[in-house]
Amino acid sequence: MPRALYTDFPWPDTSLEESMLATVNCELVAAPTGDEETLARLAVDCDTIITCWAPVTAKVLEAATNCRHVARTGIGLDNIDVTRATELGMVVTNVPDYCIPEVAEHTLALMFALSRSIHVYHQHSQAGKYDIQVGTPMERMEDQTVGIIGLGQIGKLFAEKCQALGMRVLGNNRSQQVPEGVEWRPLNELLAESDYVVLLCPLTEETQNLMSHEQFALMKPTAFLINTSRGGLVDHGALAQALDEGQLAGAGLDVQVPEPPDMNQAPYNDPKVIVTPHAAFLSTRAVEELRSRVARQVVDFLEGKTPENIVNAAG
């Protein structure tokens, strides 16, 4: 009987995956924790690994001597040592296009909330301070500039939504190819011109701590940072200092390092910061699609078929 190790998952149960894997007589083993030692121990006799956010390190992969497939329940691959998996002859798959509208909508929601001081009004109103002035000053969004770092599928859709609001849209990416109506800018110029800086790029060695002291110093003191991509794009200590020194007006963070973060520490406990628990991808439709497509990848692999979305040379 083949076995699949499920390193971690944010949904209540694994019934959907179990029912699909049962068609190929595959047992699903859910790890009790996502630490390296536990995953390495459980991976020993597994034929495939399914992972959400837990680190699938070289040690875990090397312990999985029977494994030839690692399936990521999501888009980003920064939690998987893809290079080592490839060296070991393992196929790595992901689902790169399942939650495009959801992340764009969540990013837009954070931008609206920050722009209209929703979080500030809510905090003060619940504390008994029913005062219109606590959220001022605020500006009309259609008069403002949003700078998007990363113009993949989510970035392009988010840009369209911002353009529909009448906003000026700047973009930064490696190719310097941007959608119609978006003005490409070098990073430093984008930071200096934007009223909202939005991170929608992958986490790589080059983008680790992309936003740190030097970058925050370039932003307008009235500007906001929004991150719905990966927590590692932001130096959170530098963000806390920048907020404390008034280098930017606030932030909307859906992703953190680590997850969950210590909410008693800055910048997460700063009243100018909105924190959501890595929820941008969520909707009933998106989660069902994600889970069923990953399970189908595993089934196809175990049946000797080529699963969709192979991301590495081993495929």
Protein backbone atom coordinates (compact mmCIF):
# COMPACT_ATOMS: atom_id res chain seq x y z
CA MET A 1 0.00 0.00 0.00
CA PRO A 2 1.49 3.40 -0.97
CA ARG A 3 1.64 6.07 1.73
CA ALA A 4 1.43 9.86 1.50
CA LEU A 5 2.74 12.11 4.27
CA TYR A 6 0.69 15.26 4.89
CA THR A 7 3.06 17.61 6.70
CA ASP A 8 0.49 20.27 7.70
CA PHE A 9 -2.86 21.71 6.66
CA PRO A 10 -5.07 24.61 7.82
CA TRP A 11 -8.46 22.96 7.14
CA PRO A 12 -10.42 20.98 9.76
CA ASP A 13 -9.77 17.49 8.35
CA THR A 14 -8.32 15.52 5.44
CA SER A 15 -11.48 13.72 4.35
CA LEU A 16 -11.39 15.12 0.80
CA GLU A 17 -7.81 13.99 0.26
CA GLU A 18 -8.43 10.61 1.89
CA SER A 19 -11.40 9.87 -0.36
CA MET A 20 -9.44 10.67 -3.53
CA LEU A 21 -6.30 8.79 -2.46
CA ALA A 22 -8.42 5.78 -1.56
CA THR A 23 -9.04 5.25 -5.28
CA VAL A 24 -5.40 4.15 -5.59
CA ASN A 25 -5.34 2.41 -2.20
CA CYS A 26 -3.04 5.10 -0.75
CA GLU A 27 -2.87 5.70 3.00
CA LEU A 28 -2.68 9.31 4.12
CA VAL A 29 -0.49 9.97 7.17
CA ALA A 30 -1.05 13.32 8.86
CA ALA A 31 1.96 14.61 10.80
CA PRO A 32 1.10 15.71 14.37
CA THR A 33 3.60 18.58 14.11
CA GLY A 34 5.59 20.15 11.28
CA ASP A 35 9.03 20.12 12.90
CA GLU A 36 11.94 18.69 10.94
CA GLU A 37 12.61 15.70 13.21
CA THR A 38 8.99 14.54 13.13
CA LEU A 39 8.68 14.95 9.37
CA ALA A 40 11.96 13.14 8.72
CA ARG A 41 10.82 10.23 10.87
CA LEU A 42 7.43 9.93 9.21
CA ALA A 43 8.79 10.40 5.69
CA VAL A 44 10.94 7.26 5.82
CA ASP A 45 8.42 4.91 4.19
CA CYS A 46 6.27 7.39 2.28
CA ASP A 47 5.91 7.45 -1.50
CA THR A 48 4.83 11.07 -1.71
CA ILE A 49 4.86 14.17 0.51
CA ILE A 50 2.05 16.73 0.57
CA THR A 51 2.96 20.01 2.24
CA CYS A 52 1.30 23.33 2.94
CA TRP A 53 3.66 25.55 4.95
CA ALA A 54 5.91 23.17 6.91
CA PRO A 55 9.57 23.23 5.81
CA VAL A 56 10.39 20.22 3.64
CA THR A 57 14.14 20.41 4.13
CA ALA A 58 16.99 18.41 2.68
CA LYS A 59 16.98 16.29 5.84
CA VAL A 60 13.30 15.42 5.38
CA LEU A 61 13.79 14.64 1.69
CA GLU A 62 16.87 12.51 2.30
CA ALA A 63 14.99 10.48 4.91
CA ALA A 64 12.20 9.77 2.41
CA THR A 65 14.07 7.11 0.44
CA ASN A 66 10.89 5.79 -1.22
CA CYS A 67 9.52 9.22 -2.11
CA ARG A 68 9.49 10.44 -5.70
CA HIS A 69 6.89 13.22 -5.49
CA VAL A 70 6.47 16.35 -3.35
CA ALA A 71 3.18 18.22 -3.79
CA ARG A 72 2.79 21.78 -2.53
CA THR A 73 -0.73 22.78 -1.54
CA GLY A 74 -0.26 26.32 -2.76
CA ILE A 75 1.72 28.52 -5.12
CA GLY A 76 5.06 29.42 -3.53
CA LEU A 77 7.86 26.86 -3.21
CA ASP A 78 10.07 28.56 -0.63
CA ASN A 79 9.26 25.95 2.06
CA ILE A 80 10.56 23.09 -0.14
CA ASP A 81 14.21 22.42 -0.93
CA VAL A 82 13.44 22.03 -4.62
CA THR A 83 17.11 21.76 -5.56
CA ARG A 84 17.67 18.78 -3.25
CA ALA A 85 14.40 17.18 -4.32
CA THR A 86 15.52 17.42 -7.94
CA GLU A 87 18.92 15.90 -7.10
CA LEU A 88 17.12 12.99 -5.45
CA GLY A 89 14.94 12.43 -8.52
CA MET A 90 11.74 13.72 -6.96
CA VAL A 91 9.03 15.46 -8.95
CA VAL A 92 7.80 18.69 -7.30
CA THR A 93 4.35 20.07 -8.14
CA ASN A 94 2.28 23.06 -7.06
CA VAL A 95 -1.01 24.78 -7.91
CA PRO A 96 0.03 28.18 -9.30
CA ASP A 97 -3.37 29.51 -10.33
CA TYR A 98 -5.99 28.51 -7.76
CA CYS A 99 -6.54 31.65 -5.65
CA ILE A 100 -5.74 34.55 -7.94
CA PRO A 101 -9.02 36.47 -7.32
CA GLU A 102 -8.98 35.79 -3.58
CA VAL A 103 -5.49 37.19 -2.96
CA ALA A 104 -6.17 40.20 -5.16
CA GLU A 105 -9.42 40.86 -3.27
CA HIS A 106 -7.77 40.46 0.15
CA THR A 107 -5.00 42.84 -0.88
CA LEU A 108 -7.60 45.33 -2.04
CA ALA A 109 -9.51 44.92 1.24
CA LEU A 110 -6.39 45.75 3.26
CA MET A 111 -5.78 48.79 1.08
CA PHE A 112 -9.35 50.03 1.59
CA ALA A 113 -9.15 49.43 5.35
CA LEU A 114 -5.87 51.32 5.68
CA SER A 115 -6.99 54.14 3.40
CA ARG A 116 -10.25 54.71 5.28
CA SER A 117 -8.73 54.14 8.78
CA ILE A 118 -11.22 51.32 9.38
CA HIS A 119 -8.93 49.62 11.90
CA VAL A 120 -8.32 52.87 13.80
CA TYR A 121 -12.00 53.76 13.98
CA HIS A 122 -12.86 50.22 15.07
CA GLN A 123 -10.25 50.15 17.85
CA HIS A 124 -11.27 53.54 19.24
CA SER A 125 -15.02 52.96 18.90
CA GLN A 126 -14.80 49.67 20.79
CA ALA A 127 -12.80 51.45 23.48
CA GLY A 128 -15.62 53.99 23.84
CA LYS A 129 -13.95 56.81 21.90
CA TYR A 130 -16.51 57.61 19.20
CA ASP A 131 -14.49 60.31 17.48
CA ILE A 132 -14.29 61.09 13.76
CA GLN A 133 -10.94 62.82 14.17
CA VAL A 134 -8.94 59.75 15.24
CA GLY A 135 -8.84 58.49 11.65
CA THR A 136 -7.80 61.71 9.97
CA PRO A 137 -6.24 62.84 7.77
CA MET A 138 -7.30 60.57 4.92
CA GLU A 139 -7.22 61.01 1.18
CA ARG A 140 -9.46 60.00 -1.71
CA MET A 141 -8.08 56.75 -3.13
CA GLU A 142 -8.69 57.66 -6.77
CA ASP A 143 -6.22 60.53 -6.36
CA GLN A 144 -3.45 58.25 -5.09
CA THR A 145 -0.67 56.04 -6.42
CA VAL A 146 -0.23 52.34 -5.74
CA GLY A 147 3.11 50.67 -6.38
CA ILE A 148 2.99 46.92 -7.02
CA ILE A 149 6.16 44.86 -6.59
CA GLY A 150 5.59 41.66 -8.55
CA LEU A 151 3.32 41.51 -11.60
CA GLY A 152 2.44 37.85 -11.92
CA GLN A 153 -1.16 36.71 -12.24
CA ILE A 154 -2.18 38.18 -8.87
CA GLY A 155 -0.28 41.42 -9.42
CA LYS A 156 -1.85 41.94 -12.83
CA LEU A 157 -5.38 41.34 -11.51
CA PHE A 158 -4.77 43.64 -8.56
CA ALA A 159 -3.48 46.31 -10.95
CA GLU A 160 -6.71 46.04 -12.96
CA LYS A 161 -8.79 46.52 -9.82
CA CYS A 162 -6.76 49.57 -8.83
CA GLN A 163 -7.09 51.05 -12.30
CA ALA A 164 -10.86 50.55 -12.09
CA LEU A 165 -10.78 52.72 -8.95
CA GLY A 166 -9.08 55.48 -10.91
CA MET A 167 -5.74 55.07 -9.16
CA ARG A 168 -2.35 55.63 -10.74
CA VAL A 169 -0.54 52.28 -10.83
CA LEU A 170 3.23 51.76 -10.79
CA GLY A 171 4.88 48.38 -11.17
CA ASN A 172 8.23 46.74 -10.58
CA ASN A 173 9.35 43.33 -11.83
CA ARG A 174 12.44 41.72 -13.29
CA SER A 175 11.22 41.62 -16.90
CA GLN A 176 10.17 45.29 -16.93
CA GLN A 177 7.12 44.12 -18.91
CA VAL A 178 3.97 45.61 -17.38
CA PRO A 179 0.26 45.51 -18.26
CA GLU A 180 -1.33 48.35 -20.19
CA GLY A 181 -1.78 51.42 -18.05
CA VAL A 182 0.87 50.41 -15.51
CA GLU A 183 4.06 52.50 -15.34
CA TRP A 184 7.24 50.49 -14.67
CA ARG A 185 9.58 51.98 -12.08
CA PRO A 186 12.90 50.97 -10.51
CA LEU A 187 12.29 49.88 -6.93
CA ASN A 188 13.60 53.01 -5.23
CA GLU A 189 11.54 55.30 -7.45
CA LEU A 190 8.42 53.20 -6.90
CA LEU A 191 8.87 53.41 -3.12
CA ALA A 192 9.32 57.18 -3.23
CA GLU A 193 6.27 57.83 -5.43
CA SER A 194 3.71 55.40 -3.99
CA ASP A 195 0.99 56.00 -1.43
CA TYR A 196 0.57 52.22 -1.10
CA VAL A 197 3.44 49.76 -1.60
CA VAL A 198 2.06 46.29 -2.29
CA LEU A 199 4.21 43.13 -2.20
CA LEU A 200 3.00 40.42 -4.59
CA CYS A 201 6.32 38.83 -5.55
CA PRO A 202 7.81 35.42 -4.71
CA LEU A 203 10.23 34.88 -1.84
CA THR A 204 13.71 34.06 -3.19
CA GLU A 205 17.28 34.65 -2.06
CA GLU A 206 17.14 37.96 -3.95
CA THR A 207 13.87 39.12 -2.38
CA GLN A 208 14.57 38.03 1.22
CA ASN A 209 14.10 41.15 3.39
CA LEU A 210 13.38 43.17 0.26
CA MET A 211 11.79 45.79 2.52
CA SER A 212 14.23 46.86 5.22
CA HIS A 213 15.61 50.05 6.77
CA GLU A 214 16.87 51.59 3.53
CA GLN A 215 13.63 50.94 1.67
CA PHE A 216 11.34 52.23 4.44
CA ALA A 217 13.38 55.43 4.58
CA LEU A 218 12.45 56.07 0.94
CA MET A 219 8.69 55.82 1.49
CA LYS A 220 6.37 58.73 2.09
CA PRO A 221 5.49 59.20 5.78
CA THR A 222 1.83 59.03 4.68
CA ALA A 223 2.28 55.76 2.76
CA PHE A 224 1.22 52.23 3.67
CA LEU A 225 2.89 48.83 3.16
CA ILE A 226 0.75 45.81 2.25
CA ASN A 227 2.14 42.26 2.13
CA THR A 228 -0.02 39.33 1.00
CA SER A 229 2.81 37.30 -0.51
CA ARG A 230 5.46 35.97 1.90
CA GLY A 231 6.52 37.18 5.33
CA GLY A 232 10.21 36.88 4.49
CA LEU A 233 9.94 39.76 2.03
CA VAL A 234 9.83 42.14 5.02
CA ASP A 235 12.38 42.80 7.74
CA HIS A 236 9.79 43.09 10.49
CA GLY A 237 12.21 44.60 12.97
CA ALA A 238 12.97 47.34 10.47
CA LEU A 239 9.25 47.80 9.85
CA ALA A 240 8.61 48.21 13.58
CA GLN A 241 11.32 50.87 13.79
CA ALA A 242 10.07 52.66 10.67
CA LEU A 243 6.53 52.83 12.06
CA ASP A 244 7.82 54.06 15.40
CA GLU A 245 9.84 56.79 13.69
CA GLY A 246 6.99 57.85 11.41
CA GLN A 247 8.66 56.77 8.16
CA LEU A 248 5.35 55.30 6.98
CA ALA A 249 1.76 55.55 8.15
CA GLY A 250 0.85 51.89 8.65
CA ALA A 251 0.86 48.38 7.24
CA GLY A 252 -1.42 45.52 6.30
CA LEU A 253 0.24 42.13 6.86
CA ASP A 254 -1.30 38.80 5.91
CA VAL A 255 2.01 36.93 6.12
CA GLN A 256 4.59 36.99 8.89
CA VAL A 257 7.84 35.43 10.13
CA PRO A 258 7.28 33.19 11.96
CA GLU A 259 3.64 32.15 11.64
CA PRO A 260 1.94 32.69 13.95
CA PRO A 261 3.93 35.70 15.17
CA ASP A 262 4.12 36.98 18.72
CA MET A 263 1.22 39.44 18.66
CA ASN A 264 2.58 41.12 21.78
CA GLN A 265 5.61 42.33 19.84
CA ALA A 266 6.05 45.16 17.35
CA PRO A 267 5.12 45.60 14.58
CA TYR A 268 2.18 43.24 15.13
CA ASN A 269 0.84 45.01 18.22
CA ASP A 270 1.14 48.46 16.62
CA PRO A 271 -2.34 50.04 16.30
CA LYS A 272 -1.33 51.27 12.84
CA VAL A 273 -0.92 47.68 11.62
CA ILE A 274 -3.64 45.30 10.41
CA VAL A 275 -2.74 41.62 10.80
CA THR A 276 -4.61 38.74 9.17
CA PRO A 277 -3.55 35.07 9.65
CA HIS A 278 -2.26 34.11 6.18
CA ALA A 279 -5.87 34.10 5.01
CA ALA A 280 -5.66 35.88 1.66
CA PHE A 281 -6.01 32.63 -0.29
CA LEU A 282 -9.18 31.57 1.46
CA SER A 283 -12.59 31.03 -0.07
CA THR A 284 -14.75 27.92 -0.16
CA ARG A 285 -14.17 27.59 -3.89
CA ALA A 286 -10.43 28.18 -3.77
CA VAL A 287 -9.77 25.72 -0.95
CA GLU A 288 -11.84 22.97 -2.56
CA GLU A 289 -10.04 23.50 -5.87
CA LEU A 290 -6.63 23.51 -4.20
CA ARG A 291 -7.17 20.35 -2.20
CA SER A 292 -8.75 18.36 -5.01
CA ARG A 293 -6.07 19.35 -7.53
CA VAL A 294 -3.24 18.40 -5.18
CA ALA A 295 -4.91 15.08 -4.41
CA ARG A 296 -5.32 14.50 -8.16
CA GLN A 297 -1.60 15.19 -8.65
CA VAL A 298 -0.79 12.48 -6.10
CA VAL A 299 -3.24 10.02 -7.66
CA ASP A 300 -1.85 10.65 -11.14
CA PHE A 301 1.71 10.21 -9.91
CA LEU A 302 0.92 6.93 -8.16
CA GLU A 303 -0.86 5.67 -11.28
CA GLY A 304 2.23 6.37 -13.36
CA LYS A 305 0.75 9.41 -15.08
CA THR A 306 2.36 12.84 -15.35
CA PRO A 307 0.83 15.14 -12.73
CA GLU A 308 0.03 18.74 -13.59
CA ASN A 309 2.34 21.65 -12.80
CA ILE A 310 5.71 19.97 -12.46
CA VAL A 311 8.11 22.76 -11.47
CA ASN A 312 11.51 21.06 -11.53
CA ALA A 313 13.83 19.27 -13.90
CA ALA A 314 13.13 15.90 -12.32
CA GLY A 315 9.80 15.95 -14.13
